[in-house]
Amino acid sequence: MPATHLIAYFFGGMFLTNAIPHWVSGLRGEPFQSPFAKPSGKGLSSANVNILWGFANLVFAYLLLERVGRFHLRTPHHAIAFGAGVLLMSLMSSHFFAPFHGGLNPAEKR
């Protein structure tokens, strides 16, 4: 299996994970940060923009997971690549969004 397939599965996990907060915020009718806000990534985008951005992330995840090679979640190296992408994007999102949503530890607040 080419390493490019594992890289695609890693990024597929990242895109799938990134879709979740945008999609859920949009479904709840709540504004949320997105790359299309002013300032980018810090301002709030409407619920509809977040639905569209979440859906775009789902499409990217699908293309990377289902159209590159033959992704099988039960294959250990596929699952590890995908899981690493999910974990990394989860940690990055937690770190990035914490200041906007009160998620900082008391010691980290400035």
N, C-alpha and C. Protein backbone atom coordinates (compact mmCIF):
# COMPACT_ATOMS: atom_id res chain seq x y z
N MET A 1 0.84 -1.18 0.00
CA MET A 1 0.00 0.00 0.00
C MET A 1 0.89 1.24 0.00
N PRO A 2 0.60 2.18 -0.88
CA PRO A 2 1.39 3.41 -0.92
C PRO A 2 1.17 4.27 0.34
N ALA A 3 2.21 4.94 0.76
CA ALA A 3 2.11 5.83 1.92
C ALA A 3 1.11 6.96 1.66
N THR A 4 0.92 7.30 0.40
CA THR A 4 -0.04 8.37 0.08
C THR A 4 -1.45 8.00 0.52
N HIS A 5 -1.79 6.72 0.52
CA HIS A 5 -3.10 6.29 0.97
C HIS A 5 -3.25 6.54 2.47
N LEU A 6 -2.22 6.21 3.23
CA LEU A 6 -2.27 6.44 4.68
C LEU A 6 -2.34 7.93 4.99
N ILE A 7 -1.65 8.74 4.22
CA ILE A 7 -1.72 10.20 4.41
C ILE A 7 -3.14 10.68 4.10
N ALA A 8 -3.76 10.14 3.06
CA ALA A 8 -5.14 10.51 2.73
C ALA A 8 -6.08 10.11 3.86
N TYR A 9 -5.89 8.95 4.47
CA TYR A 9 -6.75 8.50 5.57
C TYR A 9 -6.54 9.37 6.81
N PHE A 10 -5.31 9.79 7.04
CA PHE A 10 -5.01 10.70 8.15
C PHE A 10 -5.79 12.01 7.96
N PHE A 11 -5.69 12.61 6.77
CA PHE A 11 -6.40 13.86 6.52
C PHE A 11 -7.91 13.65 6.45
N GLY A 12 -8.34 12.48 6.03
CA GLY A 12 -9.77 12.16 6.07
C GLY A 12 -10.29 12.21 7.49
N GLY A 13 -9.52 11.68 8.43
CA GLY A 13 -9.89 11.76 9.85
C GLY A 13 -9.93 13.19 10.34
N MET A 14 -8.99 14.00 9.88
CA MET A 14 -8.97 15.41 10.29
C MET A 14 -10.20 16.15 9.75
N PHE A 15 -10.52 15.96 8.48
CA PHE A 15 -11.68 16.64 7.90
C PHE A 15 -12.98 16.17 8.55
N LEU A 16 -13.09 14.87 8.81
CA LEU A 16 -14.30 14.36 9.45
C LEU A 16 -14.47 14.97 10.84
N THR A 17 -13.40 15.06 11.59
CA THR A 17 -13.45 15.66 12.93
C THR A 17 -13.78 17.14 12.86
N ASN A 18 -13.22 17.84 11.89
CA ASN A 18 -13.49 19.28 11.76
C ASN A 18 -14.94 19.55 11.37
N ALA A 19 -15.57 18.60 10.71
CA ALA A 19 -16.97 18.80 10.31
C ALA A 19 -17.89 18.86 11.52
N ILE A 20 -17.57 18.15 12.58
CA ILE A 20 -18.48 17.99 13.71
C ILE A 20 -18.86 19.31 14.38
N PRO A 21 -17.90 20.14 14.86
CA PRO A 21 -18.34 21.36 15.56
C PRO A 21 -19.10 22.33 14.66
N HIS A 22 -18.72 22.40 13.40
CA HIS A 22 -19.40 23.31 12.48
C HIS A 22 -20.82 22.82 12.20
N TRP A 23 -20.95 21.53 11.93
CA TRP A 23 -22.25 20.96 11.62
C TRP A 23 -23.18 21.08 12.83
N VAL A 24 -22.69 20.71 14.02
CA VAL A 24 -23.52 20.75 15.22
C VAL A 24 -23.93 22.19 15.56
N SER A 25 -23.01 23.13 15.47
CA SER A 25 -23.36 24.52 15.73
C SER A 25 -24.42 25.00 14.76
N GLY A 26 -24.26 24.64 13.50
CA GLY A 26 -25.25 25.02 12.50
C GLY A 26 -26.60 24.40 12.78
N LEU A 27 -26.63 23.13 13.15
CA LEU A 27 -27.89 22.47 13.46
C LEU A 27 -28.58 23.10 14.65
N ARG A 28 -27.80 23.58 15.58
CA ARG A 28 -28.37 24.23 16.78
C ARG A 28 -28.75 25.68 16.51
N GLY A 29 -28.45 26.17 15.31
CA GLY A 29 -28.78 27.55 14.97
C GLY A 29 -27.87 28.56 15.62
N GLU A 30 -26.68 28.14 16.01
CA GLU A 30 -25.73 28.99 16.72
C GLU A 30 -24.60 29.46 15.79
N PRO A 31 -24.16 30.70 15.94
CA PRO A 31 -22.97 31.13 15.20
C PRO A 31 -21.73 30.44 15.78
N PHE A 32 -20.71 30.30 14.96
CA PHE A 32 -19.48 29.63 15.38
C PHE A 32 -18.35 30.14 14.51
N GLN A 33 -17.12 30.06 15.01
CA GLN A 33 -15.96 30.49 14.26
C GLN A 33 -15.82 29.66 12.99
N SER A 34 -15.41 30.32 11.91
CA SER A 34 -15.10 29.61 10.67
C SER A 34 -14.08 30.41 9.89
N PRO A 35 -13.49 29.82 8.87
CA PRO A 35 -12.51 30.54 8.06
C PRO A 35 -13.13 31.70 7.29
N PHE A 36 -14.46 31.76 7.22
CA PHE A 36 -15.13 32.78 6.42
C PHE A 36 -15.55 33.99 7.25
N ALA A 37 -15.32 33.95 8.56
CA ALA A 37 -15.70 35.06 9.44
C ALA A 37 -14.68 36.19 9.32
N LYS A 38 -15.04 37.32 9.85
CA LYS A 38 -14.13 38.47 9.92
C LYS A 38 -13.88 38.75 11.39
N PRO A 39 -12.68 38.68 11.91
CA PRO A 39 -11.48 38.15 11.28
C PRO A 39 -11.56 36.63 11.14
N SER A 40 -10.90 36.14 10.14
CA SER A 40 -10.94 34.72 9.79
C SER A 40 -10.58 33.83 10.98
N GLY A 41 -11.46 32.90 11.30
CA GLY A 41 -11.20 31.95 12.37
C GLY A 41 -11.48 32.47 13.76
N LYS A 42 -11.69 33.78 13.90
CA LYS A 42 -11.93 34.35 15.23
C LYS A 42 -13.33 34.94 15.34
N GLY A 43 -13.81 35.52 14.26
CA GLY A 43 -15.17 36.06 14.26
C GLY A 43 -16.16 34.92 14.11
N LEU A 44 -17.43 35.26 14.28
CA LEU A 44 -18.48 34.25 14.19
C LEU A 44 -19.11 34.25 12.81
N SER A 45 -19.39 33.06 12.31
CA SER A 45 -20.13 32.88 11.07
C SER A 45 -21.53 32.40 11.42
N SER A 46 -22.47 32.66 10.54
CA SER A 46 -23.85 32.25 10.78
C SER A 46 -23.98 30.73 10.81
N ALA A 47 -25.12 30.30 11.33
CA ALA A 47 -25.41 28.86 11.38
C ALA A 47 -25.39 28.26 9.98
N ASN A 48 -25.95 28.97 9.00
CA ASN A 48 -25.97 28.44 7.63
C ASN A 48 -24.57 28.29 7.05
N VAL A 49 -23.71 29.26 7.30
CA VAL A 49 -22.33 29.16 6.83
C VAL A 49 -21.66 27.94 7.46
N ASN A 50 -21.91 27.71 8.75
CA ASN A 50 -21.30 26.56 9.43
C ASN A 50 -21.85 25.24 8.92
N ILE A 51 -23.14 25.19 8.59
CA ILE A 51 -23.69 23.97 7.98
C ILE A 51 -22.96 23.69 6.67
N LEU A 52 -22.80 24.73 5.84
CA LEU A 52 -22.13 24.55 4.54
C LEU A 52 -20.67 24.14 4.73
N TRP A 53 -19.97 24.77 5.68
CA TRP A 53 -18.57 24.44 5.93
C TRP A 53 -18.44 23.03 6.51
N GLY A 54 -19.33 22.67 7.41
CA GLY A 54 -19.33 21.30 7.94
C GLY A 54 -19.59 20.28 6.84
N PHE A 55 -20.54 20.58 5.95
CA PHE A 55 -20.84 19.67 4.86
C PHE A 55 -19.65 19.55 3.90
N ALA A 56 -18.99 20.66 3.62
CA ALA A 56 -17.80 20.63 2.76
C ALA A 56 -16.73 19.73 3.38
N ASN A 57 -16.55 19.82 4.70
CA ASN A 57 -15.58 18.96 5.39
C ASN A 57 -15.98 17.49 5.27
N LEU A 58 -17.28 17.20 5.36
CA LEU A 58 -17.74 15.82 5.18
C LEU A 58 -17.44 15.31 3.77
N VAL A 59 -17.62 16.16 2.78
CA VAL A 59 -17.32 15.78 1.40
C VAL A 59 -15.83 15.49 1.24
N PHE A 60 -14.98 16.38 1.79
CA PHE A 60 -13.53 16.16 1.71
C PHE A 60 -13.15 14.84 2.40
N ALA A 61 -13.74 14.58 3.58
CA ALA A 61 -13.45 13.34 4.30
C ALA A 61 -13.86 12.13 3.46
N TYR A 62 -15.04 12.20 2.87
CA TYR A 62 -15.51 11.10 2.02
C TYR A 62 -14.53 10.84 0.86
N LEU A 63 -14.15 11.92 0.19
CA LEU A 63 -13.25 11.76 -0.95
C LEU A 63 -11.93 11.14 -0.54
N LEU A 64 -11.39 11.55 0.60
CA LEU A 64 -10.11 11.02 1.06
C LEU A 64 -10.22 9.59 1.58
N LEU A 65 -11.33 9.26 2.22
CA LEU A 65 -11.46 7.93 2.82
C LEU A 65 -12.01 6.89 1.86
N GLU A 66 -12.87 7.29 0.96
CA GLU A 66 -13.54 6.31 0.11
C GLU A 66 -13.08 6.32 -1.35
N ARG A 67 -12.41 7.35 -1.77
CA ARG A 67 -12.01 7.43 -3.17
C ARG A 67 -10.50 7.26 -3.37
N VAL A 68 -9.76 7.18 -2.27
CA VAL A 68 -8.31 6.95 -2.35
C VAL A 68 -8.05 5.55 -1.81
N GLY A 69 -7.61 4.68 -2.64
CA GLY A 69 -7.33 3.31 -2.21
C GLY A 69 -8.60 2.61 -1.77
N ARG A 70 -8.43 1.67 -0.84
CA ARG A 70 -9.56 0.90 -0.29
C ARG A 70 -9.49 0.97 1.22
N PHE A 71 -10.09 2.01 1.79
CA PHE A 71 -10.07 2.22 3.23
C PHE A 71 -10.92 1.16 3.93
N HIS A 72 -10.31 0.52 4.95
CA HIS A 72 -11.02 -0.44 5.79
C HIS A 72 -10.67 -0.13 7.24
N LEU A 73 -11.66 0.27 8.01
CA LEU A 73 -11.42 0.66 9.40
C LEU A 73 -10.90 -0.51 10.23
N ARG A 74 -11.16 -1.74 9.80
CA ARG A 74 -10.67 -2.90 10.54
C ARG A 74 -9.22 -3.26 10.21
N THR A 75 -8.64 -2.61 9.23
CA THR A 75 -7.23 -2.83 8.91
C THR A 75 -6.41 -1.94 9.84
N PRO A 76 -5.53 -2.52 10.65
CA PRO A 76 -4.85 -1.75 11.68
C PRO A 76 -4.16 -0.47 11.19
N HIS A 77 -3.37 -0.53 10.12
CA HIS A 77 -2.66 0.68 9.70
C HIS A 77 -3.62 1.73 9.13
N HIS A 78 -4.75 1.32 8.58
CA HIS A 78 -5.76 2.29 8.14
C HIS A 78 -6.38 2.97 9.36
N ALA A 79 -6.74 2.15 10.35
CA ALA A 79 -7.35 2.69 11.56
C ALA A 79 -6.40 3.61 12.32
N ILE A 80 -5.12 3.26 12.35
CA ILE A 80 -4.14 4.09 13.05
C ILE A 80 -3.98 5.43 12.35
N ALA A 81 -3.87 5.43 11.03
CA ALA A 81 -3.73 6.69 10.28
C ALA A 81 -4.97 7.56 10.47
N PHE A 82 -6.15 6.96 10.32
CA PHE A 82 -7.40 7.68 10.50
C PHE A 82 -7.52 8.21 11.94
N GLY A 83 -7.26 7.35 12.91
CA GLY A 83 -7.35 7.73 14.33
C GLY A 83 -6.37 8.82 14.70
N ALA A 84 -5.17 8.78 14.12
CA ALA A 84 -4.19 9.84 14.40
C ALA A 84 -4.69 11.17 13.88
N GLY A 85 -5.34 11.17 12.72
CA GLY A 85 -5.91 12.41 12.18
C GLY A 85 -7.04 12.93 13.06
N VAL A 86 -7.90 12.01 13.52
CA VAL A 86 -8.99 12.40 14.42
C VAL A 86 -8.43 12.99 15.71
N LEU A 87 -7.46 12.32 16.31
CA LEU A 87 -6.88 12.78 17.57
C LEU A 87 -6.20 14.13 17.41
N LEU A 88 -5.38 14.27 16.37
CA LEU A 88 -4.67 15.53 16.17
C LEU A 88 -5.64 16.69 15.96
N MET A 89 -6.64 16.51 15.11
CA MET A 89 -7.60 17.59 14.86
C MET A 89 -8.41 17.89 16.13
N SER A 90 -8.73 16.88 16.91
CA SER A 90 -9.45 17.09 18.16
C SER A 90 -8.64 17.95 19.12
N LEU A 91 -7.37 17.62 19.27
CA LEU A 91 -6.50 18.39 20.16
C LEU A 91 -6.28 19.81 19.65
N MET A 92 -6.09 19.95 18.34
CA MET A 92 -5.91 21.29 17.76
C MET A 92 -7.17 22.13 17.93
N SER A 93 -8.34 21.55 17.70
CA SER A 93 -9.60 22.28 17.85
C SER A 93 -9.82 22.68 19.29
N SER A 94 -9.55 21.77 20.21
CA SER A 94 -9.70 22.07 21.64
C SER A 94 -8.83 23.25 22.04
N HIS A 95 -7.60 23.23 21.58
CA HIS A 95 -6.66 24.31 21.91
C HIS A 95 -7.09 25.63 21.25
N PHE A 96 -7.53 25.58 20.01
CA PHE A 96 -7.89 26.79 19.28
C PHE A 96 -9.18 27.42 19.79
N PHE A 97 -10.21 26.59 20.04
CA PHE A 97 -11.53 27.12 20.41
C PHE A 97 -11.68 27.40 21.90
N ALA A 98 -10.81 26.87 22.75
CA ALA A 98 -10.95 27.06 24.20
C ALA A 98 -11.07 28.53 24.61
N PRO A 99 -10.24 29.43 24.08
CA PRO A 99 -10.36 30.83 24.51
C PRO A 99 -11.70 31.47 24.14
N PHE A 100 -12.36 30.97 23.12
CA PHE A 100 -13.63 31.54 22.68
C PHE A 100 -14.82 31.01 23.46
N HIS A 101 -14.67 29.86 24.08
CA HIS A 101 -15.82 29.19 24.69
C HIS A 101 -15.58 28.83 26.15
N GLY A 102 -14.66 29.49 26.81
CA GLY A 102 -14.45 29.29 28.24
C GLY A 102 -13.81 27.97 28.60
N GLY A 103 -13.07 27.37 27.70
CA GLY A 103 -12.49 26.06 27.96
C GLY A 103 -11.08 26.08 28.51
N LEU A 104 -10.58 27.24 28.91
CA LEU A 104 -9.22 27.30 29.47
C LEU A 104 -9.23 26.85 30.93
N ASN A 105 -8.15 26.21 31.34
CA ASN A 105 -7.96 25.92 32.75
C ASN A 105 -7.76 27.23 33.49
N PRO A 106 -8.16 27.31 34.76
CA PRO A 106 -7.98 28.56 35.51
C PRO A 106 -6.54 29.06 35.50
N ALA A 107 -5.56 28.15 35.49
CA ALA A 107 -4.16 28.57 35.49
C ALA A 107 -3.76 29.18 34.15
N GLU A 108 -4.48 28.85 33.06
CA GLU A 108 -4.14 29.33 31.73
C GLU A 108 -4.80 30.68 31.41
N LYS A 109 -5.81 31.08 32.19
CA LYS A 109 -6.51 32.32 31.91
C LYS A 109 -5.61 33.50 32.19
N ARG A 110 -5.73 34.50 31.32
CA ARG A 110 -4.88 35.68 31.47
C ARG A 110 -5.72 36.89 31.72
